[in-house]
Amino acid sequence: MVSKIKGENMFTLDNKEYDETKLSDKGKLAFAQLQYVAEQRSKLLLETDRLNTIEGANSAILKAELPKEEADAESKSKE
């Protein structure tokens, strides 16, 4: 994983610091791609957390709104 050091042209890879300005064009492209992957992964994790929260809340609402006889039948089937 690559991490950029804020405010500097430095980044860390495998616990070693490197100067971004000293990369070849191919290296700069790879670095940019890795930054993009990290950004997208972070967004996906946040979206997953958001979806899990929505799912949990709506499941609780739905369970509370089930007709009484269906709720009783559901609890008896689990026994």
Protein backbone atom coordinates (compact mmCIF):
# COMPACT_ATOMS: atom_id res chain seq x y z
CA MET A 1 0.00 0.00 0.00
CA VAL A 2 1.19 3.47 -0.89
CA SER A 3 0.59 6.44 1.36
CA LYS A 4 1.22 10.05 0.40
CA ILE A 5 2.83 12.34 2.97
CA LYS A 6 0.67 15.47 3.06
CA GLY A 7 2.22 18.71 1.94
CA GLU A 8 5.29 17.00 0.52
CA ASN A 9 6.36 15.24 -2.64
CA MET A 10 7.11 12.16 -0.56
CA PHE A 11 5.25 8.88 -0.29
CA THR A 12 5.73 5.68 1.68
CA LEU A 13 5.87 2.21 0.14
CA ASP A 14 6.80 -0.88 2.17
CA ASN A 15 7.75 1.34 5.13
CA LYS A 16 10.28 3.31 3.06
CA GLU A 17 9.96 6.94 1.98
CA TYR A 18 10.44 7.95 -1.65
CA ASP A 19 10.39 11.26 -3.54
CA GLU A 20 7.53 11.33 -6.02
CA THR A 21 9.33 13.85 -8.24
CA LYS A 22 12.12 11.34 -8.90
CA LEU A 23 9.81 8.75 -10.43
CA SER A 24 9.86 7.96 -14.14
CA ASP A 25 6.72 8.69 -16.15
CA LYS A 26 5.75 5.03 -15.86
CA GLY A 27 6.35 5.16 -12.10
CA LYS A 28 4.26 8.34 -11.79
CA LEU A 29 1.40 6.65 -13.63
CA ALA A 30 1.60 3.59 -11.38
CA PHE A 31 1.68 5.84 -8.31
CA ALA A 32 -1.39 7.74 -9.53
CA GLN A 33 -3.21 4.46 -10.18
CA LEU A 34 -2.42 3.22 -6.67
CA GLN A 35 -3.69 6.48 -5.18
CA TYR A 36 -6.89 6.08 -7.20
CA VAL A 37 -7.34 2.50 -5.97
CA ALA A 38 -6.88 3.58 -2.35
CA GLU A 39 -9.38 6.43 -2.78
CA GLN A 40 -11.99 4.17 -4.39
CA ARG A 41 -11.50 1.47 -1.76
CA SER A 42 -12.07 4.05 0.97
CA LYS A 43 -15.25 5.25 -0.73
CA LEU A 44 -16.50 1.67 -1.06
CA LEU A 45 -15.87 0.96 2.61
CA LEU A 46 -17.80 4.07 3.61
CA GLU A 47 -20.65 3.13 1.28
CA THR A 48 -20.70 -0.43 2.67
CA ASP A 49 -20.97 0.93 6.22
CA ARG A 50 -23.77 3.26 5.12
CA LEU A 51 -25.66 0.43 3.41
CA ASN A 52 -25.26 -1.83 6.45
CA THR A 53 -26.70 0.91 8.67
CA ILE A 54 -29.66 1.44 6.34
CA GLU A 55 -30.25 -2.30 6.12
CA GLY A 56 -30.24 -2.73 9.90
CA ALA A 57 -32.56 0.21 10.50
CA ASN A 58 -35.04 -0.87 7.84
CA SER A 59 -35.01 -4.50 9.00
CA ALA A 60 -35.90 -3.31 12.51
CA ILE A 61 -38.71 -1.13 11.13
CA LEU A 62 -40.05 -3.96 8.99
CA LYS A 63 -40.03 -6.40 11.91
CA ALA A 64 -41.89 -3.88 14.06
CA GLU A 65 -44.49 -3.42 11.30
CA LEU A 66 -45.19 -7.12 10.62
CA PRO A 67 -48.75 -8.19 11.29
CA LYS A 68 -49.05 -9.76 14.75
CA GLU A 69 -50.04 -13.27 13.54
CA GLU A 70 -47.08 -13.48 11.14
CA ALA A 71 -44.70 -12.33 13.87
CA ASP A 72 -46.08 -15.00 16.24
CA ALA A 73 -45.78 -17.71 13.57
CA GLU A 74 -42.20 -16.65 12.88
CA SER A 75 -41.19 -16.87 16.54
CA LYS A 76 -42.85 -20.31 16.90
CA SER A 77 -41.03 -21.67 13.83
CA LYS A 78 -37.68 -20.76 15.45
CA GLU A 79 -38.46 -22.83 18.56
